[in-house]
């Protein structure tokens, strides 16, 4: 348990929001079908998550860093797959 008992809320929120992103990343990875994924949305989302992660470092908040660090990896994976699919490098499973 963190030293600050109120951090429980932060860790719980971090776990829920990060876990909520896993199904999209898994589906994108396993099917390679990115047709329903918006490139501008994922580009902005990934940039925003990276900035939240940096902010977590600046304020010294482990829940913010952990949640956004994991989400940044997952969002980057989806964004990379989307970019590759637009370049014709990823074929959707069929």
PDB file of N, CA and C in Angstrom:
ATOM      1  N   UNK A   1       0.846  -1.187   0.000  1.00  0.00           N
ATOM      2  CA  UNK A   1       0.000   0.000   0.000  1.00  0.00           C
ATOM      3  C   UNK A   1       0.887   1.243   0.000  1.00  0.00           C
ATOM      4  N   UNK A   2       0.542   2.237  -0.796  1.00  0.00           N
ATOM      5  CA  UNK A   2       1.329   3.472  -0.831  1.00  0.00           C
ATOM      6  C   UNK A   2       1.310   4.181   0.521  1.00  0.00           C
ATOM      7  N   UNK A   3       2.322   4.995   0.790  1.00  0.00           N
ATOM      8  CA  UNK A   3       2.407   5.740   2.043  1.00  0.00           C
ATOM      9  C   UNK A   3       1.201   6.647   2.238  1.00  0.00           C
ATOM     10  N   UNK A   4       0.724   7.260   1.184  1.00  0.00           N
ATOM     11  CA  UNK A   4      -0.442   8.141   1.246  1.00  0.00           C
ATOM     12  C   UNK A   4      -1.696   7.311   1.000  1.00  0.00           C
ATOM     13  N   UNK A   5      -2.560   7.160   2.010  1.00  0.00           N
ATOM     14  CA  UNK A   5      -3.752   6.330   1.816  1.00  0.00           C
ATOM     15  C   UNK A   5      -4.674   6.853   0.712  1.00  0.00           C
ATOM     16  N   UNK A   6      -4.624   8.134   0.442  1.00  0.00           N
ATOM     17  CA  UNK A   6      -5.447   8.700  -0.631  1.00  0.00           C
ATOM     18  C   UNK A   6      -4.952   8.296  -2.009  1.00  0.00           C
ATOM     19  N   UNK A   7      -3.711   7.830  -2.097  1.00  0.00           N
ATOM     20  CA  UNK A   7      -3.163   7.395  -3.385  1.00  0.00           C
ATOM     21  C   UNK A   7      -3.889   6.161  -3.902  1.00  0.00           C
ATOM     22  N   UNK A   8      -4.595   5.463  -3.028  1.00  0.00           N
ATOM     23  CA  UNK A   8      -5.390   4.305  -3.450  1.00  0.00           C
ATOM     24  C   UNK A   8      -6.331   4.692  -4.585  1.00  0.00           C
ATOM     25  N   UNK A   9      -6.923   5.866  -4.493  1.00  0.00           N
ATOM     26  CA  UNK A   9      -7.827   6.348  -5.546  1.00  0.00           C
ATOM     27  C   UNK A   9      -7.061   6.494  -6.856  1.00  0.00           C
ATOM     28  N   UNK A  10      -5.882   7.051  -6.797  1.00  0.00           N
ATOM     29  CA  UNK A  10      -5.067   7.233  -7.994  1.00  0.00           C
ATOM     30  C   UNK A  10      -4.652   5.908  -8.615  1.00  0.00           C
ATOM     31  N   UNK A  11      -4.216   4.973  -7.785  1.00  0.00           N
ATOM     32  CA  UNK A  11      -3.820   3.662  -8.300  1.00  0.00           C
ATOM     33  C   UNK A  11      -5.013   2.902  -8.885  1.00  0.00           C
ATOM     34  N   UNK A  12      -6.162   3.017  -8.234  1.00  0.00           N
ATOM     35  CA  UNK A  12      -7.368   2.341  -8.738  1.00  0.00           C
ATOM     36  C   UNK A  12      -7.801   2.948 -10.064  1.00  0.00           C
ATOM     37  N   UNK A  13      -7.818   4.266 -10.150  1.00  0.00           N
ATOM     38  CA  UNK A  13      -8.172   4.939 -11.407  1.00  0.00           C
ATOM     39  C   UNK A  13      -7.177   4.565 -12.497  1.00  0.00           C
ATOM     40  N   UNK A  14      -5.903   4.520 -12.154  1.00  0.00           N
ATOM     41  CA  UNK A  14      -4.868   4.152 -13.124  1.00  0.00           C
ATOM     42  C   UNK A  14      -5.088   2.739 -13.638  1.00  0.00           C
ATOM     43  N   UNK A  15      -5.409   1.827 -12.730  1.00  0.00           N
ATOM     44  CA  UNK A  15      -5.638   0.434 -13.140  1.00  0.00           C
ATOM     45  C   UNK A  15      -6.840   0.323 -14.071  1.00  0.00           C
ATOM     46  N   UNK A  16      -7.934   1.007 -13.746  1.00  0.00           N
ATOM     47  CA  UNK A  16      -9.136   0.934 -14.579  1.00  0.00           C
ATOM     48  C   UNK A  16      -8.924   1.551 -15.954  1.00  0.00           C
ATOM     49  N   UNK A  17      -8.352   2.737 -16.006  1.00  0.00           N
ATOM     50  CA  UNK A  17      -8.197   3.397 -17.311  1.00  0.00           C
ATOM     51  C   UNK A  17      -7.182   2.685 -18.191  1.00  0.00           C
ATOM     52  N   UNK A  18      -6.146   2.147 -17.588  1.00  0.00           N
ATOM     53  CA  UNK A  18      -5.163   1.404 -18.370  1.00  0.00           C
ATOM     54  C   UNK A  18      -5.753   0.088 -18.857  1.00  0.00           C
ATOM     55  N   UNK A  19      -6.444  -0.620 -17.977  1.00  0.00           N
ATOM     56  CA  UNK A  19      -7.073  -1.891 -18.355  1.00  0.00           C
ATOM     57  C   UNK A  19      -8.118  -1.691 -19.443  1.00  0.00           C
ATOM     58  N   UNK A  20      -8.800  -0.566 -19.437  1.00  0.00           N
ATOM     59  CA  UNK A  20      -9.829  -0.285 -20.443  1.00  0.00           C
ATOM     60  C   UNK A  20      -9.227  -0.182 -21.839  1.00  0.00           C
ATOM     61  N   UNK A  21      -7.964   0.144 -21.927  1.00  0.00           N
ATOM     62  CA  UNK A  21      -7.318   0.318 -23.224  1.00  0.00           C
ATOM     63  C   UNK A  21      -6.807  -0.997 -23.798  1.00  0.00           C
ATOM     64  N   UNK A  22      -6.596  -1.990 -22.963  1.00  0.00           N
ATOM     65  CA  UNK A  22      -6.019  -3.265 -23.389  1.00  0.00           C
ATOM     66  C   UNK A  22      -6.827  -3.955 -24.495  1.00  0.00           C
ATOM     67  N   UNK A  23      -8.170  -4.033 -24.414  1.00  0.00           N
ATOM     68  CA  UNK A  23      -8.901  -4.732 -25.484  1.00  0.00           C
ATOM     69  C   UNK A  23      -8.669  -4.153 -26.878  1.00  0.00           C
ATOM     70  N   UNK A  24      -8.592  -2.831 -26.999  1.00  0.00           N
ATOM     71  CA  UNK A  24      -8.342  -2.222 -28.316  1.00  0.00           C
ATOM     72  C   UNK A  24      -6.961  -2.587 -28.829  1.00  0.00           C
ATOM     73  N   UNK A  25      -5.986  -2.515 -27.957  1.00  0.00           N
ATOM     74  CA  UNK A  25      -4.622  -2.860 -28.368  1.00  0.00           C
ATOM     75  C   UNK A  25      -4.546  -4.337 -28.760  1.00  0.00           C
ATOM     76  N   UNK A  26      -5.179  -5.208 -27.981  1.00  0.00           N
ATOM     77  CA  UNK A  26      -5.158  -6.643 -28.277  1.00  0.00           C
ATOM     78  C   UNK A  26      -5.847  -6.941 -29.609  1.00  0.00           C
ATOM     79  N   UNK A  27      -7.024  -6.334 -29.821  1.00  0.00           N
ATOM     80  CA  UNK A  27      -7.752  -6.573 -31.063  1.00  0.00           C
ATOM     81  C   UNK A  27      -6.961  -6.072 -32.260  1.00  0.00           C
ATOM     82  N   UNK A  28      -6.369  -4.899 -32.128  1.00  0.00           N
ATOM     83  CA  UNK A  28      -5.571  -4.344 -33.217  1.00  0.00           C
ATOM     84  C   UNK A  28      -4.384  -5.244 -33.527  1.00  0.00           C
ATOM     85  N   UNK A  29      -3.733  -5.742 -32.495  1.00  0.00           N
ATOM     86  CA  UNK A  29      -2.565  -6.599 -32.679  1.00  0.00           C
ATOM     87  C   UNK A  29      -2.949  -7.945 -33.282  1.00  0.00           C
ATOM     88  N   UNK A  30      -4.012  -8.549 -32.757  1.00  0.00           N
ATOM     89  CA  UNK A  30      -4.346  -9.907 -33.185  1.00  0.00           C
ATOM     90  C   UNK A  30      -5.014  -9.975 -34.548  1.00  0.00           C
ATOM     91  N   UNK A  31      -5.825  -8.978 -34.899  1.00  0.00           N
ATOM     92  CA  UNK A  31      -6.528  -9.016 -36.187  1.00  0.00           C
ATOM     93  C   UNK A  31      -5.799  -8.239 -37.274  1.00  0.00           C
ATOM     94  N   UNK A  32      -4.988  -7.273 -36.876  1.00  0.00           N
ATOM     95  CA  UNK A  32      -4.326  -6.359 -37.802  1.00  0.00           C
ATOM     96  C   UNK A  32      -5.328  -5.566 -38.648  1.00  0.00           C
ATOM     97  N   UNK A  33      -6.577  -5.530 -38.184  1.00  0.00           N
ATOM     98  CA  UNK A  33      -7.608  -4.749 -38.869  1.00  0.00           C
ATOM     99  C   UNK A  33      -7.727  -3.400 -38.166  1.00  0.00           C
ATOM    100  N   UNK A  34      -7.175  -2.383 -38.780  1.00  0.00           N
ATOM    101  CA  UNK A  34      -7.169  -1.046 -38.202  1.00  0.00           C
ATOM    102  C   UNK A  34      -8.119  -0.115 -38.941  1.00  0.00           C
ATOM    103  N   UNK A  35      -9.031  -0.680 -39.719  1.00  0.00           N
ATOM    104  CA  UNK A  35      -9.920   0.144 -40.542  1.00  0.00           C
ATOM    105  C   UNK A  35     -10.818   1.051 -39.701  1.00  0.00           C
ATOM    106  N   UNK A  36     -11.149   0.638 -38.499  1.00  0.00           N
ATOM    107  CA  UNK A  36     -12.013   1.455 -37.649  1.00  0.00           C
ATOM    108  C   UNK A  36     -11.263   2.382 -36.717  1.00  0.00           C
ATOM    109  N   UNK A  37      -9.956   2.441 -36.859  1.00  0.00           N
ATOM    110  CA  UNK A  37      -9.127   3.256 -35.983  1.00  0.00           C
ATOM    111  C   UNK A  37      -8.824   4.584 -36.663  1.00  0.00           C
ATOM    112  N   UNK A  38      -9.102   5.669 -35.965  1.00  0.00           N
ATOM    113  CA  UNK A  38      -8.871   7.008 -36.497  1.00  0.00           C
ATOM    114  C   UNK A  38      -7.419   7.425 -36.260  1.00  0.00           C
ATOM    115  N   UNK A  39      -6.697   7.680 -37.341  1.00  0.00           N
ATOM    116  CA  UNK A  39      -5.305   8.106 -37.232  1.00  0.00           C
ATOM    117  C   UNK A  39      -5.162   9.422 -36.461  1.00  0.00           C
ATOM    118  N   UNK A  40      -5.933  10.470 -36.784  1.00  0.00           N
ATOM    119  CA  UNK A  40      -5.769  11.710 -36.014  1.00  0.00           C
ATOM    120  C   UNK A  40      -6.063  11.523 -34.524  1.00  0.00           C
ATOM    121  N   UNK A  41      -7.093  10.729 -34.214  1.00  0.00           N
ATOM    122  CA  UNK A  41      -7.435  10.515 -32.806  1.00  0.00           C
ATOM    123  C   UNK A  41      -6.298   9.805 -32.087  1.00  0.00           C
ATOM    124  N   UNK A  42      -5.748   8.737 -32.673  1.00  0.00           N
ATOM    125  CA  UNK A  42      -4.689   7.997 -31.999  1.00  0.00           C
ATOM    126  C   UNK A  42      -3.401   8.795 -31.926  1.00  0.00           C
ATOM    127  N   UNK A  43      -3.117   9.611 -32.934  1.00  0.00           N
ATOM    128  CA  UNK A  43      -1.921  10.447 -32.888  1.00  0.00           C
ATOM    129  C   UNK A  43      -2.035  11.452 -31.739  1.00  0.00           C
ATOM    130  N   UNK A  44      -3.177  12.116 -31.633  1.00  0.00           N
ATOM    131  CA  UNK A  44      -3.382  13.080 -30.548  1.00  0.00           C
ATOM    132  C   UNK A  44      -3.436  12.396 -29.191  1.00  0.00           C
ATOM    133  N   UNK A  45      -4.101  11.254 -29.127  1.00  0.00           N
ATOM    134  CA  UNK A  45      -4.210  10.512 -27.882  1.00  0.00           C
ATOM    135  C   UNK A  45      -2.826  10.078 -27.385  1.00  0.00           C
ATOM    136  N   UNK A  46      -2.013   9.544 -28.286  1.00  0.00           N
ATOM    137  CA  UNK A  46      -0.679   9.085 -27.913  1.00  0.00           C
ATOM    138  C   UNK A  46       0.184  10.252 -27.442  1.00  0.00           C
ATOM    139  N   UNK A  47       0.108  11.375 -28.137  1.00  0.00           N
ATOM    140  CA  UNK A  47       0.832  12.568 -27.719  1.00  0.00           C
ATOM    141  C   UNK A  47       0.358  13.021 -26.336  1.00  0.00           C
ATOM    142  N   UNK A  48      -0.943  13.051 -26.127  1.00  0.00           N
ATOM    143  CA  UNK A  48      -1.499  13.458 -24.839  1.00  0.00           C
ATOM    144  C   UNK A  48      -1.083  12.535 -23.706  1.00  0.00           C
ATOM    145  N   UNK A  49      -1.114  11.240 -23.948  1.00  0.00           N
ATOM    146  CA  UNK A  49      -0.708  10.273 -22.925  1.00  0.00           C
ATOM    147  C   UNK A  49       0.775  10.450 -22.597  1.00  0.00           C
ATOM    148  N   UNK A  50       1.585  10.686 -23.608  1.00  0.00           N
ATOM    149  CA  UNK A  50       3.000  10.946 -23.361  1.00  0.00           C
ATOM    150  C   UNK A  50       3.205  12.183 -22.498  1.00  0.00           C
ATOM    151  N   UNK A  51       2.403  13.194 -22.754  1.00  0.00           N
ATOM    152  CA  UNK A  51       2.509  14.418 -21.961  1.00  0.00           C
ATOM    153  C   UNK A  51       2.026  14.199 -20.521  1.00  0.00           C
ATOM    154  N   UNK A  52       0.959  13.400 -20.352  1.00  0.00           N
ATOM    155  CA  UNK A  52       0.504  13.058 -18.998  1.00  0.00           C
ATOM    156  C   UNK A  52       1.585  12.298 -18.250  1.00  0.00           C
ATOM    157  N   UNK A  53       2.271  11.407 -18.933  1.00  0.00           N
ATOM    158  CA  UNK A  53       3.357  10.647 -18.318  1.00  0.00           C
ATOM    159  C   UNK A  53       4.468  11.599 -17.869  1.00  0.00           C
ATOM    160  N   UNK A  54       4.840  12.517 -18.737  1.00  0.00           N
ATOM    161  CA  UNK A  54       5.865  13.511 -18.385  1.00  0.00           C
ATOM    162  C   UNK A  54       5.402  14.356 -17.200  1.00  0.00           C
ATOM    163  N   UNK A  55       4.144  14.737 -17.197  1.00  0.00           N
ATOM    164  CA  UNK A  55       3.588  15.518 -16.092  1.00  0.00           C
ATOM    165  C   UNK A  55       3.672  14.719 -14.787  1.00  0.00           C
ATOM    166  N   UNK A  56       3.384  13.427 -14.865  1.00  0.00           N
ATOM    167  CA  UNK A  56       3.490  12.584 -13.684  1.00  0.00           C
ATOM    168  C   UNK A  56       4.891  12.586 -13.102  1.00  0.00           C
ATOM    169  N   UNK A  57       5.897  12.561 -13.978  1.00  0.00           N
ATOM    170  CA  UNK A  57       7.287  12.657 -13.511  1.00  0.00           C
ATOM    171  C   UNK A  57       7.540  13.994 -12.831  1.00  0.00           C
ATOM    172  N   UNK A  58       7.056  15.072 -13.451  1.00  0.00           N
ATOM    173  CA  UNK A  58       7.298  16.417 -12.919  1.00  0.00           C
ATOM    174  C   UNK A  58       6.691  16.578 -11.528  1.00  0.00           C
ATOM    175  N   UNK A  59       5.478  16.079 -11.334  1.00  0.00           N
ATOM    176  CA  UNK A  59       4.825  16.238 -10.035  1.00  0.00           C
ATOM    177  C   UNK A  59       5.141  15.093  -9.072  1.00  0.00           C
ATOM    178  N   UNK A  60       5.865  14.092  -9.539  1.00  0.00           N
ATOM    179  CA  UNK A  60       6.250  12.981  -8.682  1.00  0.00           C
ATOM    180  C   UNK A  60       5.098  12.066  -8.317  1.00  0.00           C
ATOM    181  N   UNK A  61       4.182  11.838  -9.255  1.00  0.00           N
ATOM    182  CA  UNK A  61       3.018  10.992  -9.002  1.00  0.00           C
ATOM    183  C   UNK A  61       3.191   9.631  -9.675  1.00  0.00           C
ATOM    184  N   UNK A  62       3.476   8.617  -8.870  1.00  0.00           N
ATOM    185  CA  UNK A  62       3.673   7.284  -9.408  1.00  0.00           C
ATOM    186  C   UNK A  62       2.431   6.734 -10.118  1.00  0.00           C
ATOM    187  N   UNK A  63       1.211   6.938  -9.582  1.00  0.00           N
ATOM    188  CA  UNK A  63       0.038   6.444 -10.319  1.00  0.00           C
ATOM    189  C   UNK A  63      -0.095   7.059 -11.707  1.00  0.00           C
ATOM    190  N   UNK A  64       0.182   8.341 -11.832  1.00  0.00           N
ATOM    191  CA  UNK A  64       0.086   9.014 -13.128  1.00  0.00           C
ATOM    192  C   UNK A  64       1.157   8.485 -14.080  1.00  0.00           C
ATOM    193  N   UNK A  65       2.358   8.298 -13.575  1.00  0.00           N
ATOM    194  CA  UNK A  65       3.457   7.792 -14.405  1.00  0.00           C
ATOM    195  C   UNK A  65       3.179   6.362 -14.853  1.00  0.00           C
ATOM    196  N   UNK A  66       2.793   5.498 -13.924  1.00  0.00           N
ATOM    197  CA  UNK A  66       2.558   4.097 -14.265  1.00  0.00           C
ATOM    198  C   UNK A  66       1.414   3.924 -15.257  1.00  0.00           C
ATOM    199  N   UNK A  67       0.287   4.543 -14.964  1.00  0.00           N
ATOM    200  CA  UNK A  67      -0.880   4.390 -15.843  1.00  0.00           C
ATOM    201  C   UNK A  67      -0.585   4.907 -17.239  1.00  0.00           C
ATOM    202  N   UNK A  68      -0.018   6.085 -17.300  1.00  0.00           N
ATOM    203  CA  UNK A  68       0.224   6.677 -18.610  1.00  0.00           C
ATOM    204  C   UNK A  68       1.409   6.046 -19.313  1.00  0.00           C
ATOM    205  N   UNK A  69       2.365   5.530 -18.576  1.00  0.00           N
ATOM    206  CA  UNK A  69       3.480   4.822 -19.203  1.00  0.00           C
ATOM    207  C   UNK A  69       3.012   3.555 -19.907  1.00  0.00           C
ATOM    208  N   UNK A  70       2.183   2.771 -19.221  1.00  0.00           N
ATOM    209  CA  UNK A  70       1.647   1.549 -19.831  1.00  0.00           C
ATOM    210  C   UNK A  70       0.730   1.901 -20.997  1.00  0.00           C
ATOM    211  N   UNK A  71      -0.142   2.876 -20.797  1.00  0.00           N
ATOM    212  CA  UNK A  71      -1.057   3.278 -21.861  1.00  0.00           C
ATOM    213  C   UNK A  71      -0.289   3.842 -23.051  1.00  0.00           C
ATOM    214  N   UNK A  72       0.805   4.539 -22.802  1.00  0.00           N
ATOM    215  CA  UNK A  72       1.629   5.063 -23.891  1.00  0.00           C
ATOM    216  C   UNK A  72       2.186   3.931 -24.749  1.00  0.00           C
ATOM    217  N   UNK A  73       2.626   2.869 -24.112  1.00  0.00           N
ATOM    218  CA  UNK A  73       3.132   1.714 -24.865  1.00  0.00           C
ATOM    219  C   UNK A  73       2.018   1.117 -25.718  1.00  0.00           C
ATOM    220  N   UNK A  74       0.848   0.923 -25.118  1.00  0.00           N
ATOM    221  CA  UNK A  74      -0.279   0.326 -25.852  1.00  0.00           C
ATOM    222  C   UNK A  74      -0.761   1.241 -26.981  1.00  0.00           C
ATOM    223  N   UNK A  75      -0.885   2.527 -26.698  1.00  0.00           N
ATOM    224  CA  UNK A  75      -1.343   3.474 -27.719  1.00  0.00           C
ATOM    225  C   UNK A  75      -0.320   3.578 -28.856  1.00  0.00           C
ATOM    226  N   UNK A  76       0.948   3.544 -28.515  1.00  0.00           N
ATOM    227  CA  UNK A  76       1.995   3.591 -29.539  1.00  0.00           C
ATOM    228  C   UNK A  76       1.934   2.359 -30.431  1.00  0.00           C
ATOM    229  N   UNK A  77       1.629   1.216 -29.836  1.00  0.00           N
ATOM    230  CA  UNK A  77       1.477  -0.016 -30.608  1.00  0.00           C
ATOM    231  C   UNK A  77       0.339   0.134 -31.620  1.00  0.00           C
ATOM    232  N   UNK A  78      -0.813   0.600 -31.157  1.00  0.00           N
ATOM    233  CA  UNK A  78      -1.958   0.769 -32.059  1.00  0.00           C
ATOM    234  C   UNK A  78      -1.642   1.809 -33.125  1.00  0.00           C
ATOM    235  N   UNK A  79      -1.039   2.916 -32.732  1.00  0.00           N
ATOM    236  CA  UNK A  79      -0.683   3.967 -33.693  1.00  0.00           C
ATOM    237  C   UNK A  79       0.305   3.437 -34.725  1.00  0.00           C
ATOM    238  N   UNK A  80       1.296   2.701 -34.279  1.00  0.00           N
ATOM    239  CA  UNK A  80       2.267   2.118 -35.212  1.00  0.00           C
ATOM    240  C   UNK A  80       1.619   1.149 -36.180  1.00  0.00           C
ATOM    241  N   UNK A  81       0.714   0.315 -35.673  1.00  0.00           N
ATOM    242  CA  UNK A  81      -0.004  -0.611 -36.552  1.00  0.00           C
ATOM    243  C   UNK A  81      -0.867   0.144 -37.560  1.00  0.00           C
ATOM    244  N   UNK A  82      -1.505   1.228 -37.106  1.00  0.00           N
ATOM    245  CA  UNK A  82      -2.335   2.030 -38.012  1.00  0.00           C
ATOM    246  C   UNK A  82      -1.473   2.642 -39.115  1.00  0.00           C
ATOM    247  N   UNK A  83      -0.347   3.208 -38.736  1.00  0.00           N
ATOM    248  CA  UNK A  83       0.547   3.802 -39.746  1.00  0.00           C
ATOM    249  C   UNK A  83       1.058   2.746 -40.709  1.00  0.00           C
ATOM    250  N   UNK A  84       1.415   1.583 -40.204  1.00  0.00           N
ATOM    251  CA  UNK A  84       1.888   0.503 -41.071  1.00  0.00           C
ATOM    252  C   UNK A  84       0.784   0.042 -42.011  1.00  0.00           C
ATOM    253  N   UNK A  85      -0.457  -0.018 -41.519  1.00  0.00           N
ATOM    254  CA  UNK A  85      -1.557  -0.457 -42.382  1.00  0.00           C
ATOM    255  C   UNK A  85      -1.811   0.542 -43.505  1.00  0.00           C
ATOM    256  N   UNK A  86      -1.606   1.821 -43.224  1.00  0.00           N
ATOM    257  CA  UNK A  86      -1.791   2.840 -44.261  1.00  0.00           C
ATOM    258  C   UNK A  86      -0.691   2.772 -45.314  1.00  0.00           C
ATOM    259  N   UNK A  87       0.450   2.270 -44.918  1.00  0.00           N
ATOM    260  CA  UNK A  87       1.572   2.124 -45.856  1.00  0.00           C
ATOM    261  C   UNK A  87       1.551   0.772 -46.548  1.00  0.00           C
ATOM    262  N   UNK A  88       0.546  -0.040 -46.235  1.00  0.00           N
ATOM    263  CA  UNK A  88       0.413  -1.323 -46.883  1.00  0.00           C
ATOM    264  C   UNK A  88       1.277  -2.429 -46.331  1.00  0.00           C
ATOM    265  N   UNK A  89       1.853  -2.205 -45.120  1.00  0.00           N
ATOM    266  CA  UNK A  89       2.734  -3.217 -44.541  1.00  0.00           C
ATOM    267  C   UNK A  89       1.995  -4.237 -43.690  1.00  0.00           C
ATOM    268  N   UNK A  90       0.781  -3.917 -43.297  1.00  0.00           N
ATOM    269  CA  UNK A  90       0.020  -4.829 -42.446  1.00  0.00           C
ATOM    270  C   UNK A  90      -1.222  -5.225 -43.192  1.00  0.00           C
ATOM    271  N   UNK A  91      -1.424  -6.505 -43.372  1.00  0.00           N
ATOM    272  CA  UNK A  91      -2.622  -6.994 -44.040  1.00  0.00           C
ATOM    273  C   UNK A  91      -3.635  -7.436 -43.008  1.00  0.00           C
ATOM    274  N   UNK A  92      -4.889  -6.942 -43.112  1.00  0.00           N
ATOM    275  CA  UNK A  92      -5.902  -7.394 -42.177  1.00  0.00           C
ATOM    276  C   UNK A  92      -6.125  -8.894 -42.297  1.00  0.00           C
ATOM    277  N   UNK A  93      -6.377  -9.511 -41.175  1.00  0.00           N
ATOM    278  CA  UNK A  93      -6.687 -10.947 -41.185  1.00  0.00           C
ATOM    279  C   UNK A  93      -8.003 -11.137 -41.898  1.00  0.00           C
ATOM    280  N   UNK A  94      -8.109 -12.164 -42.648  1.00  0.00           N
ATOM    281  CA  UNK A  94      -9.334 -12.322 -43.401  1.00  0.00           C
ATOM    282  C   UNK A  94      -9.685 -13.698 -43.491  1.00  0.00           C
TER     283      UNK A  94
END
